[in-house]
Amino acid sequence: MDINFVYMTAGSKEEARKIGKELVMARLAACVNILDHMNSFYWWDGEIQDDTEVVMIAKTTAARLPDLVEKVKSLHSYDCPCVVSLPVAGGHQPFLDWVAGEVK
């Protein structure tokens, strides 16, 4: 079982809540954490942007990752949403088992 954390950003807490809830309801993520009020600096359309964004961290498996990415893209307001998967190298095994069981 390959557990992944998926780091994503959204433009508002409402959008993050909508995406997070959809991912959990569809069993694409066992859990989604939402961290509000992050400040982001980035290049977009040739200019440096200074925005407030919301971070989402989803817990899923490598097998569910492609469907999770597609679902996020279908719900997201950004042209190019940040969706980055990070493999989990280890941790509390009962928690990792729970994640795997919730996204079967």
PDB file of N, CA and C in Angstrom:
ATOM      1  N   MET A   1       0.838  -1.163   0.000  1.00  0.00           N
ATOM      2  CA  MET A   1       0.000   0.000   0.000  1.00  0.00           C
ATOM      3  C   MET A   1       0.889   1.234   0.000  1.00  0.00           C
ATOM      4  N   ASP A   2       0.748   2.060  -1.000  1.00  0.00           N
ATOM      5  CA  ASP A   2       1.530   3.278  -1.138  1.00  0.00           C
ATOM      6  C   ASP A   2       0.659   4.472  -0.775  1.00  0.00           C
ATOM      7  N   ILE A   3       0.903   5.041   0.411  1.00  0.00           N
ATOM      8  CA  ILE A   3       0.149   6.201   0.869  1.00  0.00           C
ATOM      9  C   ILE A   3       0.830   7.465   0.366  1.00  0.00           C
ATOM     10  N   ASN A   4       0.017   8.432  -0.080  1.00  0.00           N
ATOM     11  CA  ASN A   4       0.531   9.707  -0.555  1.00  0.00           C
ATOM     12  C   ASN A   4      -0.185  10.847   0.149  1.00  0.00           C
ATOM     13  N   PHE A   5       0.545  11.922   0.395  1.00  0.00           N
ATOM     14  CA  PHE A   5      -0.038  13.193   0.784  1.00  0.00           C
ATOM     15  C   PHE A   5      -0.096  14.030  -0.486  1.00  0.00           C
ATOM     16  N   VAL A   6      -1.227  14.659  -0.734  1.00  0.00           N
ATOM     17  CA  VAL A   6      -1.384  15.474  -1.924  1.00  0.00           C
ATOM     18  C   VAL A   6      -1.553  16.923  -1.481  1.00  0.00           C
ATOM     19  N   TYR A   7      -0.584  17.746  -1.852  1.00  0.00           N
ATOM     20  CA  TYR A   7      -0.583  19.177  -1.521  1.00  0.00           C
ATOM     21  C   TYR A   7      -1.293  19.921  -2.642  1.00  0.00           C
ATOM     22  N   MET A   8      -2.273  20.747  -2.278  1.00  0.00           N
ATOM     23  CA  MET A   8      -3.027  21.522  -3.262  1.00  0.00           C
ATOM     24  C   MET A   8      -3.291  22.910  -2.696  1.00  0.00           C
ATOM     25  N   THR A   9      -3.568  23.863  -3.577  1.00  0.00           N
ATOM     26  CA  THR A   9      -3.980  25.183  -3.138  1.00  0.00           C
ATOM     27  C   THR A   9      -5.289  25.557  -3.826  1.00  0.00           C
ATOM     28  N   ALA A  10      -6.021  26.466  -3.192  1.00  0.00           N
ATOM     29  CA  ALA A  10      -7.271  26.992  -3.744  1.00  0.00           C
ATOM     30  C   ALA A  10      -7.327  28.486  -3.464  1.00  0.00           C
ATOM     31  N   GLY A  11      -8.187  29.160  -4.189  1.00  0.00           N
ATOM     32  CA  GLY A  11      -8.295  30.608  -4.060  1.00  0.00           C
ATOM     33  C   GLY A  11      -9.128  31.083  -2.891  1.00  0.00           C
ATOM     34  N   SER A  12      -9.936  30.198  -2.315  1.00  0.00           N
ATOM     35  CA  SER A  12     -10.781  30.595  -1.186  1.00  0.00           C
ATOM     36  C   SER A  12     -11.063  29.382  -0.300  1.00  0.00           C
ATOM     37  N   LYS A  13     -11.458  29.674   0.931  1.00  0.00           N
ATOM     38  CA  LYS A  13     -11.814  28.598   1.848  1.00  0.00           C
ATOM     39  C   LYS A  13     -13.039  27.848   1.349  1.00  0.00           C
ATOM     40  N   GLU A  14     -13.980  28.561   0.756  1.00  0.00           N
ATOM     41  CA  GLU A  14     -15.185  27.905   0.231  1.00  0.00           C
ATOM     42  C   GLU A  14     -14.830  26.909  -0.865  1.00  0.00           C
ATOM     43  N   GLU A  15     -13.946  27.321  -1.778  1.00  0.00           N
ATOM     44  CA  GLU A  15     -13.532  26.420  -2.851  1.00  0.00           C
ATOM     45  C   GLU A  15     -12.790  25.211  -2.283  1.00  0.00           C
ATOM     46  N   ALA A  16     -11.907  25.437  -1.319  1.00  0.00           N
ATOM     47  CA  ALA A  16     -11.161  24.341  -0.698  1.00  0.00           C
ATOM     48  C   ALA A  16     -12.111  23.368  -0.003  1.00  0.00           C
ATOM     49  N   ARG A  17     -13.106  23.900   0.707  1.00  0.00           N
ATOM     50  CA  ARG A  17     -14.084  23.033   1.386  1.00  0.00           C
ATOM     51  C   ARG A  17     -14.877  22.209   0.372  1.00  0.00           C
ATOM     52  N   LYS A  18     -15.272  22.822  -0.729  1.00  0.00           N
ATOM     53  CA  LYS A  18     -16.018  22.102  -1.763  1.00  0.00           C
ATOM     54  C   LYS A  18     -15.172  20.962  -2.339  1.00  0.00           C
ATOM     55  N   ILE A  19     -13.935  21.272  -2.705  1.00  0.00           N
ATOM     56  CA  ILE A  19     -13.050  20.256  -3.275  1.00  0.00           C
ATOM     57  C   ILE A  19     -12.769  19.164  -2.253  1.00  0.00           C
ATOM     58  N   GLY A  20     -12.421  19.552  -1.029  1.00  0.00           N
ATOM     59  CA  GLY A  20     -12.111  18.574   0.012  1.00  0.00           C
ATOM     60  C   GLY A  20     -13.261  17.629   0.278  1.00  0.00           C
ATOM     61  N   LYS A  21     -14.455  18.181   0.418  1.00  0.00           N
ATOM     62  CA  LYS A  21     -15.628  17.348   0.694  1.00  0.00           C
ATOM     63  C   LYS A  21     -15.908  16.390  -0.462  1.00  0.00           C
ATOM     64  N   GLU A  22     -15.793  16.876  -1.696  1.00  0.00           N
ATOM     65  CA  GLU A  22     -16.013  16.015  -2.868  1.00  0.00           C
ATOM     66  C   GLU A  22     -14.997  14.870  -2.914  1.00  0.00           C
ATOM     67  N   LEU A  23     -13.742  15.159  -2.586  1.00  0.00           N
ATOM     68  CA  LEU A  23     -12.709  14.115  -2.609  1.00  0.00           C
ATOM     69  C   LEU A  23     -12.999  13.032  -1.575  1.00  0.00           C
ATOM     70  N   VAL A  24     -13.432  13.440  -0.396  1.00  0.00           N
ATOM     71  CA  VAL A  24     -13.733  12.464   0.659  1.00  0.00           C
ATOM     72  C   VAL A  24     -15.013  11.688   0.320  1.00  0.00           C
ATOM     73  N   MET A  25     -16.039  12.388  -0.153  1.00  0.00           N
ATOM     74  CA  MET A  25     -17.290  11.712  -0.495  1.00  0.00           C
ATOM     75  C   MET A  25     -17.096  10.676  -1.606  1.00  0.00           C
ATOM     76  N   ALA A  26     -16.213  10.993  -2.556  1.00  0.00           N
ATOM     77  CA  ALA A  26     -15.945  10.079  -3.667  1.00  0.00           C
ATOM     78  C   ALA A  26     -14.927   8.997  -3.295  1.00  0.00           C
ATOM     79  N   ARG A  27     -14.474   8.998  -2.046  1.00  0.00           N
ATOM     80  CA  ARG A  27     -13.475   8.044  -1.551  1.00  0.00           C
ATOM     81  C   ARG A  27     -12.158   8.120  -2.332  1.00  0.00           C
ATOM     82  N   LEU A  28     -11.851   9.321  -2.818  1.00  0.00           N
ATOM     83  CA  LEU A  28     -10.564   9.561  -3.462  1.00  0.00           C
ATOM     84  C   LEU A  28      -9.526   9.995  -2.439  1.00  0.00           C
ATOM     85  N   ALA A  29      -9.989  10.453  -1.286  1.00  0.00           N
ATOM     86  CA  ALA A  29      -9.120  10.827  -0.167  1.00  0.00           C
ATOM     87  C   ALA A  29      -9.788  10.355   1.121  1.00  0.00           C
ATOM     88  N   ALA A  30      -8.976   9.878   2.052  1.00  0.00           N
ATOM     89  CA  ALA A  30      -9.498   9.475   3.356  1.00  0.00           C
ATOM     90  C   ALA A  30      -9.771  10.701   4.219  1.00  0.00           C
ATOM     91  N   CYS A  31      -9.003  11.759   3.985  1.00  0.00           N
ATOM     92  CA  CYS A  31      -9.079  12.958   4.801  1.00  0.00           C
ATOM     93  C   CYS A  31      -8.480  14.110   4.003  1.00  0.00           C
ATOM     94  N   VAL A  32      -9.019  15.307   4.182  1.00  0.00           N
ATOM     95  CA  VAL A  32      -8.432  16.514   3.588  1.00  0.00           C
ATOM     96  C   VAL A  32      -8.340  17.567   4.680  1.00  0.00           C
ATOM     97  N   ASN A  33      -7.136  18.059   4.926  1.00  0.00           N
ATOM     98  CA  ASN A  33      -6.917  19.163   5.859  1.00  0.00           C
ATOM     99  C   ASN A  33      -6.937  20.471   5.081  1.00  0.00           C
ATOM    100  N   ILE A  34      -7.516  21.504   5.674  1.00  0.00           N
ATOM    101  CA  ILE A  34      -7.589  22.818   5.044  1.00  0.00           C
ATOM    102  C   ILE A  34      -6.904  23.821   5.959  1.00  0.00           C
ATOM    103  N   LEU A  35      -5.922  24.513   5.407  1.00  0.00           N
ATOM    104  CA  LEU A  35      -5.150  25.519   6.134  1.00  0.00           C
ATOM    105  C   LEU A  35      -5.386  26.853   5.450  1.00  0.00           C
ATOM    106  N   ASP A  36      -6.083  27.738   6.113  1.00  0.00           N
ATOM    107  CA  ASP A  36      -6.501  29.008   5.526  1.00  0.00           C
ATOM    108  C   ASP A  36      -5.438  30.090   5.720  1.00  0.00           C
ATOM    109  N   HIS A  37      -5.543  31.142   4.933  1.00  0.00           N
ATOM    110  CA  HIS A  37      -4.749  32.367   5.059  1.00  0.00           C
ATOM    111  C   HIS A  37      -3.263  32.179   4.790  1.00  0.00           C
ATOM    112  N   MET A  38      -2.926  31.443   3.736  1.00  0.00           N
ATOM    113  CA  MET A  38      -1.537  31.324   3.319  1.00  0.00           C
ATOM    114  C   MET A  38      -1.244  32.437   2.321  1.00  0.00           C
ATOM    115  N   ASN A  39      -0.106  33.065   2.432  1.00  0.00           N
ATOM    116  CA  ASN A  39       0.292  34.090   1.465  1.00  0.00           C
ATOM    117  C   ASN A  39       1.172  33.445   0.416  1.00  0.00           C
ATOM    118  N   SER A  40       0.886  33.693  -0.858  1.00  0.00           N
ATOM    119  CA  SER A  40       1.628  33.102  -1.968  1.00  0.00           C
ATOM    120  C   SER A  40       2.178  34.193  -2.882  1.00  0.00           C
ATOM    121  N   PHE A  41       3.447  34.041  -3.225  1.00  0.00           N
ATOM    122  CA  PHE A  41       4.071  34.858  -4.260  1.00  0.00           C
ATOM    123  C   PHE A  41       4.430  33.921  -5.396  1.00  0.00           C
ATOM    124  N   TYR A  42       4.059  34.276  -6.627  1.00  0.00           N
ATOM    125  CA  TYR A  42       4.347  33.426  -7.775  1.00  0.00           C
ATOM    126  C   TYR A  42       4.241  34.239  -9.060  1.00  0.00           C
ATOM    127  N   TRP A  43       4.886  33.716 -10.101  1.00  0.00           N
ATOM    128  CA  TRP A  43       4.772  34.332 -11.420  1.00  0.00           C
ATOM    129  C   TRP A  43       3.525  33.802 -12.116  1.00  0.00           C
ATOM    130  N   TRP A  44       2.731  34.688 -12.709  1.00  0.00           N
ATOM    131  CA  TRP A  44       1.578  34.296 -13.537  1.00  0.00           C
ATOM    132  C   TRP A  44       1.354  35.390 -14.578  1.00  0.00           C
ATOM    133  N   ASP A  45       1.259  34.994 -15.834  1.00  0.00           N
ATOM    134  CA  ASP A  45       1.064  35.923 -16.947  1.00  0.00           C
ATOM    135  C   ASP A  45       2.116  37.026 -16.952  1.00  0.00           C
ATOM    136  N   GLY A  46       3.365  36.642 -16.657  1.00  0.00           N
ATOM    137  CA  GLY A  46       4.483  37.576 -16.741  1.00  0.00           C
ATOM    138  C   GLY A  46       4.597  38.563 -15.605  1.00  0.00           C
ATOM    139  N   GLU A  47       3.800  38.398 -14.560  1.00  0.00           N
ATOM    140  CA  GLU A  47       3.855  39.308 -13.419  1.00  0.00           C
ATOM    141  C   GLU A  47       3.932  38.521 -12.113  1.00  0.00           C
ATOM    142  N   ILE A  48       4.588  39.121 -11.131  1.00  0.00           N
ATOM    143  CA  ILE A  48       4.614  38.500  -9.803  1.00  0.00           C
ATOM    144  C   ILE A  48       3.274  38.771  -9.124  1.00  0.00           C
ATOM    145  N   GLN A  49       2.656  37.716  -8.643  1.00  0.00           N
ATOM    146  CA  GLN A  49       1.389  37.802  -7.935  1.00  0.00           C
ATOM    147  C   GLN A  49       1.640  37.728  -6.430  1.00  0.00           C
ATOM    148  N   ASP A  50       0.828  38.402  -5.673  1.00  0.00           N
ATOM    149  CA  ASP A  50       0.879  38.385  -4.209  1.00  0.00           C
ATOM    150  C   ASP A  50      -0.553  38.137  -3.746  1.00  0.00           C
ATOM    151  N   ASP A  51      -0.863  36.875  -3.448  1.00  0.00           N
ATOM    152  CA  ASP A  51      -2.234  36.476  -3.160  1.00  0.00           C
ATOM    153  C   ASP A  51      -2.336  35.735  -1.841  1.00  0.00           C
ATOM    154  N   THR A  52      -3.547  35.694  -1.317  1.00  0.00           N
ATOM    155  CA  THR A  52      -3.881  34.821  -0.211  1.00  0.00           C
ATOM    156  C   THR A  52      -4.535  33.576  -0.788  1.00  0.00           C
ATOM    157  N   GLU A  53      -4.063  32.418  -0.379  1.00  0.00           N
ATOM    158  CA  GLU A  53      -4.612  31.156  -0.843  1.00  0.00           C
ATOM    159  C   GLU A  53      -4.915  30.261   0.352  1.00  0.00           C
ATOM    160  N   VAL A  54      -5.500  29.133   0.050  1.00  0.00           N
ATOM    161  CA  VAL A  54      -5.830  28.134   1.062  1.00  0.00           C
ATOM    162  C   VAL A  54      -5.118  26.844   0.669  1.00  0.00           C
ATOM    163  N   VAL A  55      -4.446  26.224   1.620  1.00  0.00           N
ATOM    164  CA  VAL A  55      -3.750  24.958   1.382  1.00  0.00           C
ATOM    165  C   VAL A  55      -4.671  23.800   1.741  1.00  0.00           C
ATOM    166  N   MET A  56      -4.634  22.768   0.907  1.00  0.00           N
ATOM    167  CA  MET A  56      -5.325  21.513   1.199  1.00  0.00           C
ATOM    168  C   MET A  56      -4.281  20.401   1.180  1.00  0.00           C
ATOM    169  N   ILE A  57      -4.384  19.491   2.141  1.00  0.00           N
ATOM    170  CA  ILE A  57      -3.527  18.308   2.157  1.00  0.00           C
ATOM    171  C   ILE A  57      -4.441  17.098   2.242  1.00  0.00           C
ATOM    172  N   ALA A  58      -4.434  16.301   1.186  1.00  0.00           N
ATOM    173  CA  ALA A  58      -5.272  15.105   1.127  1.00  0.00           C
ATOM    174  C   ALA A  58      -4.420  13.877   1.386  1.00  0.00           C
ATOM    175  N   LYS A  59      -5.017  12.892   2.055  1.00  0.00           N
ATOM    176  CA  LYS A  59      -4.358  11.608   2.278  1.00  0.00           C
ATOM    177  C   LYS A  59      -5.047  10.574   1.404  1.00  0.00           C
ATOM    178  N   THR A  60      -4.254   9.892   0.570  1.00  0.00           N
ATOM    179  CA  THR A  60      -4.802   8.920  -0.370  1.00  0.00           C
ATOM    180  C   THR A  60      -3.765   7.852  -0.661  1.00  0.00           C
ATOM    181  N   THR A  61      -4.072   7.001  -1.636  1.00  0.00           N
ATOM    182  CA  THR A  61      -3.108   5.996  -2.088  1.00  0.00           C
ATOM    183  C   THR A  61      -2.639   6.339  -3.490  1.00  0.00           C
ATOM    184  N   ALA A  62      -1.500   5.784  -3.863  1.00  0.00           N
ATOM    185  CA  ALA A  62      -0.967   6.007  -5.210  1.00  0.00           C
ATOM    186  C   ALA A  62      -1.958   5.527  -6.266  1.00  0.00           C
ATOM    187  N   ALA A  63      -2.678   4.465  -5.980  1.00  0.00           N
ATOM    188  CA  ALA A  63      -3.636   3.927  -6.936  1.00  0.00           C
ATOM    189  C   ALA A  63      -4.796   4.893  -7.194  1.00  0.00           C
ATOM    190  N   ARG A  64      -5.189   5.678  -6.195  1.00  0.00           N
ATOM    191  CA  ARG A  64      -6.320   6.604  -6.336  1.00  0.00           C
ATOM    192  C   ARG A  64      -5.894   7.984  -6.851  1.00  0.00           C
ATOM    193  N   LEU A  65      -4.582   8.218  -6.907  1.00  0.00           N
ATOM    194  CA  LEU A  65      -4.062   9.529  -7.269  1.00  0.00           C
ATOM    195  C   LEU A  65      -4.526  10.031  -8.641  1.00  0.00           C
ATOM    196  N   PRO A  66      -4.475   9.252  -9.708  1.00  0.00           N
ATOM    197  CA  PRO A  66      -4.923   9.782 -11.010  1.00  0.00           C
ATOM    198  C   PRO A  66      -6.373  10.266 -10.987  1.00  0.00           C
ATOM    199  N   ASP A  67      -7.257   9.522 -10.342  1.00  0.00           N
ATOM    200  CA  ASP A  67      -8.662   9.936 -10.264  1.00  0.00           C
ATOM    201  C   ASP A  67      -8.825  11.181  -9.395  1.00  0.00           C
ATOM    202  N   LEU A  68      -8.032  11.273  -8.323  1.00  0.00           N
ATOM    203  CA  LEU A  68      -8.074  12.447  -7.463  1.00  0.00           C
ATOM    204  C   LEU A  68      -7.660  13.693  -8.253  1.00  0.00           C
ATOM    205  N   VAL A  69      -6.587  13.599  -9.013  1.00  0.00           N
ATOM    206  CA  VAL A  69      -6.118  14.740  -9.807  1.00  0.00           C
ATOM    207  C   VAL A  69      -7.196  15.176 -10.794  1.00  0.00           C
ATOM    208  N   GLU A  70      -7.809  14.228 -11.481  1.00  0.00           N
ATOM    209  CA  GLU A  70      -8.863  14.563 -12.448  1.00  0.00           C
ATOM    210  C   GLU A  70     -10.058  15.237 -11.766  1.00  0.00           C
ATOM    211  N   LYS A  71     -10.438  14.756 -10.589  1.00  0.00           N
ATOM    212  CA  LYS A  71     -11.560  15.339  -9.855  1.00  0.00           C
ATOM    213  C   LYS A  71     -11.229  16.776  -9.448  1.00  0.00           C
ATOM    214  N   VAL A  72     -10.016  16.996  -8.948  1.00  0.00           N
ATOM    215  CA  VAL A  72      -9.619  18.351  -8.554  1.00  0.00           C
ATOM    216  C   VAL A  72      -9.660  19.280  -9.768  1.00  0.00           C
ATOM    217  N   LYS A  73      -9.109  18.838 -10.883  1.00  0.00           N
ATOM    218  CA  LYS A  73      -9.114  19.668 -12.091  1.00  0.00           C
ATOM    219  C   LYS A  73     -10.539  20.019 -12.523  1.00  0.00           C
ATOM    220  N   SER A  74     -11.470  19.088 -12.368  1.00  0.00           N
ATOM    221  CA  SER A  74     -12.847  19.332 -12.796  1.00  0.00           C
ATOM    222  C   SER A  74     -13.585  20.312 -11.881  1.00  0.00           C
ATOM    223  N   LEU A  75     -13.142  20.431 -10.634  1.00  0.00           N
ATOM    224  CA  LEU A  75     -13.812  21.293  -9.653  1.00  0.00           C
ATOM    225  C   LEU A  75     -13.131  22.642  -9.449  1.00  0.00           C
ATOM    226  N   HIS A  76     -11.880  22.749  -9.842  1.00  0.00           N
ATOM    227  CA  HIS A  76     -11.039  23.893  -9.484  1.00  0.00           C
ATOM    228  C   HIS A  76     -11.273  25.091 -10.393  1.00  0.00           C
ATOM    229  N   SER A  77     -11.171  26.289  -9.823  1.00  0.00           N
ATOM    230  CA  SER A  77     -11.342  27.518 -10.594  1.00  0.00           C
ATOM    231  C   SER A  77     -10.058  27.959 -11.310  1.00  0.00           C
ATOM    232  N   TYR A  78      -8.900  27.467 -10.888  1.00  0.00           N
ATOM    233  CA  TYR A  78      -7.640  27.876 -11.501  1.00  0.00           C
ATOM    234  C   TYR A  78      -7.449  27.210 -12.861  1.00  0.00           C
ATOM    235  N   ASP A  79      -6.779  27.911 -13.772  1.00  0.00           N
ATOM    236  CA  ASP A  79      -6.407  27.328 -15.061  1.00  0.00           C
ATOM    237  C   ASP A  79      -5.381  26.214 -14.889  1.00  0.00           C
ATOM    238  N   CYS A  80      -4.499  26.391 -13.914  1.00  0.00           N
ATOM    239  CA  CYS A  80      -3.412  25.434 -13.677  1.00  0.00           C
ATOM    240  C   CYS A  80      -3.280  25.195 -12.171  1.00  0.00           C
ATOM    241  N   PRO A  81      -4.194  24.392 -11.588  1.00  0.00           N
ATOM    242  CA  PRO A  81      -4.151  24.207 -10.131  1.00  0.00           C
ATOM    243  C   PRO A  81      -2.909  23.446  -9.668  1.00  0.00           C
ATOM    244  N   CYS A  82      -2.433  23.819  -8.504  1.00  0.00           N
ATOM    245  CA  CYS A  82      -1.326  23.103  -7.870  1.00  0.00           C
ATOM    246  C   CYS A  82      -1.880  21.815  -7.259  1.00  0.00           C
ATOM    247  N   VAL A  83      -1.422  20.685  -7.765  1.00  0.00           N
ATOM    248  CA  VAL A  83      -1.766  19.373  -7.210  1.00  0.00           C
ATOM    249  C   VAL A  83      -0.473  18.567  -7.258  1.00  0.00           C
ATOM    250  N   VAL A  84       0.167  18.387  -6.108  1.00  0.00           N
ATOM    251  CA  VAL A  84       1.472  17.738  -6.036  1.00  0.00           C
ATOM    252  C   VAL A  84       1.403  16.589  -5.042  1.00  0.00           C
ATOM    253  N   SER A  85       1.821  15.414  -5.480  1.00  0.00           N
ATOM    254  CA  SER A  85       1.770  14.229  -4.621  1.00  0.00           C
ATOM    255  C   SER A  85       3.141  13.939  -4.016  1.00  0.00           C
ATOM    256  N   LEU A  86       3.127  13.652  -2.726  1.00  0.00           N
ATOM    257  CA  LEU A  86       4.349  13.308  -1.999  1.00  0.00           C
ATOM    258  C   LEU A  86       4.173  11.935  -1.365  1.00  0.00           C
ATOM    259  N   PRO A  87       5.031  10.972  -1.692  1.00  0.00           N
ATOM    260  CA  PRO A  87       4.899   9.647  -1.085  1.00  0.00           C
ATOM    261  C   PRO A  87       5.221   9.703   0.405  1.00  0.00           C
ATOM    262  N   VAL A  88       4.483   8.922   1.173  1.00  0.00           N
ATOM    263  CA  VAL A  88       4.719   8.816   2.609  1.00  0.00           C
ATOM    264  C   VAL A  88       5.663   7.644   2.826  1.00  0.00           C
ATOM    265  N   ALA A  89       6.812   7.912   3.433  1.00  0.00           N
ATOM    266  CA  ALA A  89       7.840   6.886   3.616  1.00  0.00           C
ATOM    267  C   ALA A  89       7.577   5.996   4.825  1.00  0.00           C
ATOM    268  N   GLY A  90       6.757   6.439   5.730  1.00  0.00           N
ATOM    269  CA  GLY A  90       6.481   5.651   6.921  1.00  0.00           C
ATOM    270  C   GLY A  90       5.581   6.421   7.846  1.00  0.00           C
ATOM    271  N   GLY A  91       5.298   5.832   8.997  1.00  0.00           N
ATOM    272  CA  GLY A  91       4.443   6.503   9.963  1.00  0.00           C
ATOM    273  C   GLY A  91       3.729   5.494  10.844  1.00  0.00           C
ATOM    274  N   HIS A  92       2.708   5.948  11.503  1.00  0.00           N
ATOM    275  CA  HIS A  92       1.911   5.124  12.404  1.00  0.00           C
ATOM    276  C   HIS A  92       1.075   4.167  11.552  1.00  0.00           C
ATOM    277  N   GLN A  93       1.416   2.897  11.594  1.00  0.00           N
ATOM    278  CA  GLN A  93       0.813   1.914  10.691  1.00  0.00           C
ATOM    279  C   GLN A  93      -0.712   1.842  10.767  1.00  0.00           C
ATOM    280  N   PRO A  94      -1.311   1.909  11.949  1.00  0.00           N
ATOM    281  CA  PRO A  94      -2.775   1.900  11.978  1.00  0.00           C
ATOM    282  C   PRO A  94      -3.390   3.071  11.206  1.00  0.00           C
ATOM    283  N   PHE A  95      -2.768   4.243  11.259  1.00  0.00           N
ATOM    284  CA  PHE A  95      -3.267   5.379  10.487  1.00  0.00           C
ATOM    285  C   PHE A  95      -3.122   5.125   8.992  1.00  0.00           C
ATOM    286  N   LEU A  96      -1.963   4.630   8.583  1.00  0.00           N
ATOM    287  CA  LEU A  96      -1.741   4.337   7.167  1.00  0.00           C
ATOM    288  C   LEU A  96      -2.731   3.281   6.659  1.00  0.00           C
ATOM    289  N   ASP A  97      -2.995   2.291   7.485  1.00  0.00           N
ATOM    290  CA  ASP A  97      -3.996   1.261   7.127  1.00  0.00           C
ATOM    291  C   ASP A  97      -5.380   1.879   6.998  1.00  0.00           C
ATOM    292  N   TRP A  98      -5.708   2.807   7.892  1.00  0.00           N
ATOM    293  CA  TRP A  98      -7.000   3.476   7.838  1.00  0.00           C
ATOM    294  C   TRP A  98      -7.150   4.251   6.519  1.00  0.00           C
ATOM    295  N   VAL A  99      -6.114   4.986   6.143  1.00  0.00           N
ATOM    296  CA  VAL A  99      -6.154   5.737   4.871  1.00  0.00           C
ATOM    297  C   VAL A  99      -6.425   4.779   3.719  1.00  0.00           C
ATOM    298  N   ALA A 100      -5.666   3.701   3.656  1.00  0.00           N
ATOM    299  CA  ALA A 100      -5.836   2.727   2.563  1.00  0.00           C
ATOM    300  C   ALA A 100      -7.242   2.132   2.552  1.00  0.00           C
ATOM    301  N   GLY A 101      -7.767   1.846   3.718  1.00  0.00           N
ATOM    302  CA  GLY A 101      -9.093   1.250   3.810  1.00  0.00           C
ATOM    303  C   GLY A 101     -10.211   2.205   3.388  1.00  0.00           C
ATOM    304  N   GLU A 102     -10.033   3.480   3.632  1.00  0.00           N
ATOM    305  CA  GLU A 102     -11.070   4.464   3.318  1.00  0.00           C
ATOM    306  C   GLU A 102     -11.149   4.805   1.832  1.00  0.00           C
ATOM    307  N   VAL A 103     -10.091   4.567   1.090  1.00  0.00           N
ATOM    308  CA  VAL A 103     -10.087   4.947  -0.334  1.00  0.00           C
ATOM    309  C   VAL A 103     -10.126   3.740  -1.264  1.00  0.00           C
ATOM    310  N   LYS A 104     -10.465   2.565  -0.737  1.00  0.00           N
ATOM    311  CA  LYS A 104     -10.546   1.360  -1.572  1.00  0.00           C
ATOM    312  C   LYS A 104     -11.597   1.523  -2.650  1.00  0.00           C
TER     313      LYS A 104
END
